[in-house]
Amino acid sequence: MSATNPEIVCYLKTFCGWSEGVRAIMRKYDLGFEEKDIIKNPAFRWEMEQKSGQPLSPCVTVNGNMLADISGDEVEQYLVENNFVTKIEEPADAPTDSSCPDH
């Protein structure tokens, strides 16, 4: 489904609607990606903040280009607009624009 095979790194929280939305887009387009869980590994949070210049997640890098504080919908839009994937009209297998639950 993907036109190219971009190098994707996702800085995500273990349990978060926004993070799950990004994962859902990766599944929808069958994209390989490296997941860096910023909750389980504080070093990944530090790395994300250094690279993105801000503390909010999810953050996704595509071929080194940082997409900071982004939703699954926004990741999908970026991938389509930059010809990494061809738009699939079916919805993802999880909500792509849901916030994290308040704990």
N, C-alpha and C. Protein backbone atom coordinates (compact mmCIF):
# COMPACT_ATOMS: atom_id res chain seq x y z
N MET A 1 0.81 -1.20 0.00
CA MET A 1 0.00 0.00 0.00
C MET A 1 0.85 1.26 0.00
N SER A 2 2.05 1.19 0.54
CA SER A 2 2.87 2.39 0.60
C SER A 2 3.65 2.56 -0.70
N ALA A 3 3.74 3.80 -1.16
CA ALA A 3 4.46 4.10 -2.39
C ALA A 3 5.97 3.96 -2.17
N THR A 4 6.42 4.32 -0.99
CA THR A 4 7.83 4.17 -0.62
C THR A 4 7.85 3.56 0.78
N ASN A 5 9.03 3.31 1.27
CA ASN A 5 9.15 2.79 2.62
C ASN A 5 9.87 3.81 3.47
N PRO A 6 9.13 4.79 3.99
CA PRO A 6 9.78 5.83 4.81
C PRO A 6 10.28 5.25 6.12
N GLU A 7 11.30 5.89 6.68
CA GLU A 7 11.79 5.54 8.01
C GLU A 7 10.95 6.33 9.01
N ILE A 8 10.20 5.61 9.84
CA ILE A 8 9.26 6.25 10.76
C ILE A 8 9.62 5.88 12.20
N VAL A 9 9.71 6.90 13.05
CA VAL A 9 9.90 6.72 14.48
C VAL A 9 8.75 7.44 15.17
N CYS A 10 8.06 6.72 16.06
CA CYS A 10 6.91 7.29 16.77
C CYS A 10 7.21 7.36 18.26
N TYR A 11 7.12 8.56 18.81
CA TYR A 11 7.26 8.77 20.25
C TYR A 11 5.85 8.76 20.83
N LEU A 12 5.52 7.69 21.55
CA LEU A 12 4.14 7.47 21.98
C LEU A 12 4.06 7.16 23.47
N LYS A 13 2.87 7.34 24.02
CA LYS A 13 2.59 6.92 25.39
C LYS A 13 2.02 5.50 25.34
N THR A 14 2.24 4.74 26.41
CA THR A 14 1.79 3.37 26.48
C THR A 14 0.28 3.28 26.25
N PHE A 15 -0.48 4.03 27.03
CA PHE A 15 -1.94 4.04 26.91
C PHE A 15 -2.40 5.47 26.70
N CYS A 16 -2.82 5.79 25.49
CA CYS A 16 -3.25 7.14 25.18
C CYS A 16 -4.03 7.09 23.87
N GLY A 17 -5.17 7.76 23.85
CA GLY A 17 -5.96 7.79 22.62
C GLY A 17 -5.20 8.37 21.45
N TRP A 18 -4.48 9.47 21.69
CA TRP A 18 -3.72 10.09 20.60
C TRP A 18 -2.67 9.13 20.07
N SER A 19 -1.94 8.47 20.99
CA SER A 19 -0.90 7.53 20.58
C SER A 19 -1.49 6.34 19.85
N GLU A 20 -2.61 5.82 20.33
CA GLU A 20 -3.25 4.69 19.66
C GLU A 20 -3.73 5.09 18.27
N GLY A 21 -4.14 6.34 18.10
CA GLY A 21 -4.53 6.82 16.78
C GLY A 21 -3.38 6.79 15.79
N VAL A 22 -2.19 7.14 16.25
CA VAL A 22 -1.00 7.07 15.39
C VAL A 22 -0.71 5.61 15.05
N ARG A 23 -0.77 4.73 16.05
CA ARG A 23 -0.55 3.29 15.79
C ARG A 23 -1.56 2.77 14.77
N ALA A 24 -2.82 3.22 14.90
CA ALA A 24 -3.88 2.76 13.99
C ALA A 24 -3.57 3.14 12.54
N ILE A 25 -3.02 4.32 12.34
CA ILE A 25 -2.66 4.74 10.98
C ILE A 25 -1.52 3.88 10.46
N MET A 26 -0.55 3.56 11.30
CA MET A 26 0.56 2.69 10.88
C MET A 26 0.02 1.32 10.47
N ARG A 27 -0.95 0.79 11.23
CA ARG A 27 -1.56 -0.50 10.88
C ARG A 27 -2.37 -0.39 9.59
N LYS A 28 -3.14 0.68 9.48
CA LYS A 28 -4.00 0.87 8.31
C LYS A 28 -3.20 0.80 7.02
N TYR A 29 -2.02 1.40 7.02
CA TYR A 29 -1.20 1.44 5.81
C TYR A 29 -0.08 0.40 5.84
N ASP A 30 -0.09 -0.47 6.85
CA ASP A 30 0.90 -1.53 6.96
C ASP A 30 2.32 -0.98 6.89
N LEU A 31 2.54 0.08 7.66
CA LEU A 31 3.84 0.75 7.68
C LEU A 31 4.69 0.24 8.85
N GLY A 32 5.91 -0.08 8.56
CA GLY A 32 6.84 -0.43 9.63
C GLY A 32 7.28 0.84 10.33
N PHE A 33 7.45 0.78 11.65
CA PHE A 33 7.89 1.95 12.39
C PHE A 33 8.55 1.51 13.68
N GLU A 34 9.40 2.36 14.20
CA GLU A 34 10.02 2.13 15.50
C GLU A 34 9.21 2.90 16.53
N GLU A 35 8.72 2.19 17.54
CA GLU A 35 7.97 2.85 18.61
C GLU A 35 8.88 3.11 19.79
N LYS A 36 8.87 4.36 20.26
CA LYS A 36 9.62 4.73 21.45
C LYS A 36 8.62 5.18 22.51
N ASP A 37 8.42 4.32 23.50
CA ASP A 37 7.44 4.57 24.56
C ASP A 37 8.03 5.54 25.57
N ILE A 38 7.47 6.75 25.59
CA ILE A 38 8.02 7.81 26.45
C ILE A 38 7.61 7.66 27.91
N ILE A 39 6.69 6.76 28.20
CA ILE A 39 6.29 6.50 29.59
C ILE A 39 7.21 5.43 30.19
N LYS A 40 7.42 4.35 29.46
CA LYS A 40 8.26 3.26 29.96
C LYS A 40 9.73 3.62 29.97
N ASN A 41 10.14 4.53 29.08
CA ASN A 41 11.55 4.89 28.99
C ASN A 41 11.71 6.41 28.97
N PRO A 42 12.01 7.02 30.13
CA PRO A 42 12.14 8.48 30.21
C PRO A 42 13.19 9.05 29.25
N ALA A 43 14.18 8.25 28.87
CA ALA A 43 15.19 8.73 27.92
C ALA A 43 14.55 9.04 26.57
N PHE A 44 13.52 8.28 26.20
CA PHE A 44 12.83 8.55 24.94
C PHE A 44 12.05 9.86 25.02
N ARG A 45 11.47 10.16 26.20
CA ARG A 45 10.78 11.46 26.38
C ARG A 45 11.79 12.60 26.21
N TRP A 46 12.95 12.47 26.83
CA TRP A 46 13.99 13.49 26.70
C TRP A 46 14.40 13.65 25.24
N GLU A 47 14.62 12.53 24.57
CA GLU A 47 14.99 12.56 23.14
C GLU A 47 13.92 13.26 22.31
N MET A 48 12.65 12.92 22.56
CA MET A 48 11.53 13.54 21.84
C MET A 48 11.51 15.05 22.07
N GLU A 49 11.69 15.47 23.33
CA GLU A 49 11.65 16.90 23.64
C GLU A 49 12.81 17.63 22.98
N GLN A 50 13.99 17.01 22.93
CA GLN A 50 15.14 17.63 22.28
C GLN A 50 14.90 17.78 20.78
N LYS A 51 14.34 16.75 20.17
CA LYS A 51 14.14 16.76 18.71
C LYS A 51 12.96 17.63 18.28
N SER A 52 11.90 17.66 19.12
CA SER A 52 10.69 18.39 18.73
C SER A 52 10.65 19.82 19.27
N GLY A 53 11.44 20.09 20.30
CA GLY A 53 11.44 21.41 20.91
C GLY A 53 10.24 21.68 21.79
N GLN A 54 9.49 20.62 22.13
CA GLN A 54 8.31 20.79 22.99
C GLN A 54 8.00 19.46 23.68
N PRO A 55 7.14 19.47 24.74
CA PRO A 55 6.94 18.28 25.56
C PRO A 55 5.72 17.42 25.23
N LEU A 56 4.94 17.78 24.23
CA LEU A 56 3.69 17.07 23.98
C LEU A 56 3.87 15.91 23.01
N SER A 57 3.13 14.85 23.26
CA SER A 57 3.17 13.68 22.39
C SER A 57 1.76 13.43 21.87
N PRO A 58 1.63 12.65 20.81
CA PRO A 58 2.65 11.93 20.08
C PRO A 58 3.49 12.85 19.18
N CYS A 59 4.71 12.40 18.94
CA CYS A 59 5.58 13.01 17.94
C CYS A 59 6.02 11.89 17.00
N VAL A 60 6.09 12.20 15.74
CA VAL A 60 6.45 11.20 14.73
C VAL A 60 7.50 11.81 13.82
N THR A 61 8.57 11.05 13.55
CA THR A 61 9.51 11.49 12.53
C THR A 61 9.33 10.59 11.31
N VAL A 62 9.29 11.22 10.16
CA VAL A 62 9.20 10.51 8.88
C VAL A 62 10.41 10.94 8.07
N ASN A 63 11.31 9.98 7.83
CA ASN A 63 12.57 10.28 7.14
C ASN A 63 13.27 11.48 7.77
N GLY A 64 13.23 11.54 9.11
CA GLY A 64 13.93 12.59 9.84
C GLY A 64 13.15 13.88 10.03
N ASN A 65 11.99 14.01 9.39
CA ASN A 65 11.17 15.22 9.52
C ASN A 65 10.25 15.08 10.73
N MET A 66 10.40 15.97 11.71
CA MET A 66 9.62 15.89 12.95
C MET A 66 8.22 16.45 12.79
N LEU A 67 7.23 15.63 13.14
CA LEU A 67 5.82 16.05 13.21
C LEU A 67 5.47 16.06 14.69
N ALA A 68 5.45 17.23 15.30
CA ALA A 68 5.30 17.35 16.75
C ALA A 68 3.83 17.47 17.16
N ASP A 69 3.51 16.82 18.30
CA ASP A 69 2.17 16.92 18.90
C ASP A 69 1.10 16.69 17.83
N ILE A 70 1.07 15.48 17.28
CA ILE A 70 0.28 15.20 16.09
C ILE A 70 -0.74 14.09 16.34
N SER A 71 -1.87 14.17 15.66
CA SER A 71 -2.90 13.13 15.76
C SER A 71 -2.70 12.12 14.63
N GLY A 72 -3.38 10.99 14.76
CA GLY A 72 -3.36 10.00 13.69
C GLY A 72 -3.85 10.58 12.38
N ASP A 73 -4.92 11.38 12.45
CA ASP A 73 -5.45 12.02 11.24
C ASP A 73 -4.39 12.88 10.56
N GLU A 74 -3.65 13.63 11.37
CA GLU A 74 -2.62 14.52 10.82
C GLU A 74 -1.45 13.74 10.24
N VAL A 75 -1.09 12.62 10.88
CA VAL A 75 -0.04 11.76 10.33
C VAL A 75 -0.48 11.22 8.97
N GLU A 76 -1.72 10.75 8.91
CA GLU A 76 -2.23 10.21 7.64
C GLU A 76 -2.20 11.29 6.56
N GLN A 77 -2.66 12.49 6.88
CA GLN A 77 -2.67 13.59 5.92
C GLN A 77 -1.26 13.88 5.42
N TYR A 78 -0.29 13.91 6.33
CA TYR A 78 1.10 14.16 5.95
C TYR A 78 1.61 13.06 5.00
N LEU A 79 1.34 11.81 5.35
CA LEU A 79 1.83 10.69 4.54
C LEU A 79 1.22 10.71 3.14
N VAL A 80 -0.06 11.05 3.05
CA VAL A 80 -0.73 11.12 1.74
C VAL A 80 -0.19 12.30 0.93
N GLU A 81 -0.14 13.48 1.55
CA GLU A 81 0.31 14.69 0.84
C GLU A 81 1.74 14.59 0.34
N ASN A 82 2.57 13.81 1.05
CA ASN A 82 3.97 13.66 0.66
C ASN A 82 4.24 12.37 -0.12
N ASN A 83 3.15 11.75 -0.58
CA ASN A 83 3.22 10.57 -1.46
C ASN A 83 3.93 9.37 -0.84
N PHE A 84 3.85 9.24 0.48
CA PHE A 84 4.36 8.04 1.12
C PHE A 84 3.33 6.91 1.04
N VAL A 85 2.05 7.28 1.02
CA VAL A 85 0.96 6.30 0.91
C VAL A 85 -0.11 6.86 -0.02
N THR A 86 -0.92 5.95 -0.56
CA THR A 86 -2.10 6.34 -1.32
C THR A 86 -3.28 6.26 -0.37
N LYS A 87 -4.09 7.29 -0.34
CA LYS A 87 -5.21 7.39 0.61
C LYS A 87 -6.12 6.18 0.52
N ILE A 88 -6.42 5.61 1.67
CA ILE A 88 -7.39 4.52 1.81
C ILE A 88 -8.60 5.13 2.50
N GLU A 89 -9.76 4.96 1.91
CA GLU A 89 -10.96 5.60 2.45
C GLU A 89 -11.54 4.88 3.67
N GLU A 90 -11.29 3.59 3.84
CA GLU A 90 -11.83 2.89 5.00
C GLU A 90 -11.24 3.48 6.28
N PRO A 91 -12.02 3.52 7.34
CA PRO A 91 -11.49 4.05 8.59
C PRO A 91 -10.44 3.12 9.19
N ALA A 92 -9.59 3.68 10.03
CA ALA A 92 -8.60 2.88 10.76
C ALA A 92 -9.32 2.01 11.78
N ASP A 93 -8.59 1.05 12.37
CA ASP A 93 -9.20 0.11 13.31
C ASP A 93 -9.32 0.65 14.73
N ALA A 94 -8.99 1.92 14.92
CA ALA A 94 -9.14 2.60 16.22
C ALA A 94 -9.34 4.08 15.93
N PRO A 95 -9.96 4.83 16.85
CA PRO A 95 -10.13 6.26 16.63
C PRO A 95 -8.77 6.94 16.43
N THR A 96 -8.71 7.87 15.51
CA THR A 96 -7.44 8.53 15.19
C THR A 96 -7.37 9.95 15.69
N ASP A 97 -8.38 10.37 16.47
CA ASP A 97 -8.39 11.74 16.99
C ASP A 97 -9.00 11.81 18.39
N SER A 98 -8.65 10.81 19.22
CA SER A 98 -9.19 10.76 20.59
C SER A 98 -8.11 11.14 21.59
N SER A 99 -8.52 11.87 22.60
CA SER A 99 -7.55 12.31 23.62
C SER A 99 -7.21 11.17 24.57
N CYS A 100 -6.21 11.41 25.38
CA CYS A 100 -5.81 10.45 26.39
C CYS A 100 -6.81 10.51 27.55
N PRO A 101 -7.09 9.37 28.17
CA PRO A 101 -7.97 9.40 29.34
C PRO A 101 -7.28 10.11 30.49
N ASP A 102 -8.05 10.79 31.30
CA ASP A 102 -7.49 11.46 32.47
C ASP A 102 -7.31 10.45 33.59
N HIS A 103 -6.10 10.32 34.07
CA HIS A 103 -5.83 9.40 35.17
C HIS A 103 -5.41 10.18 36.39
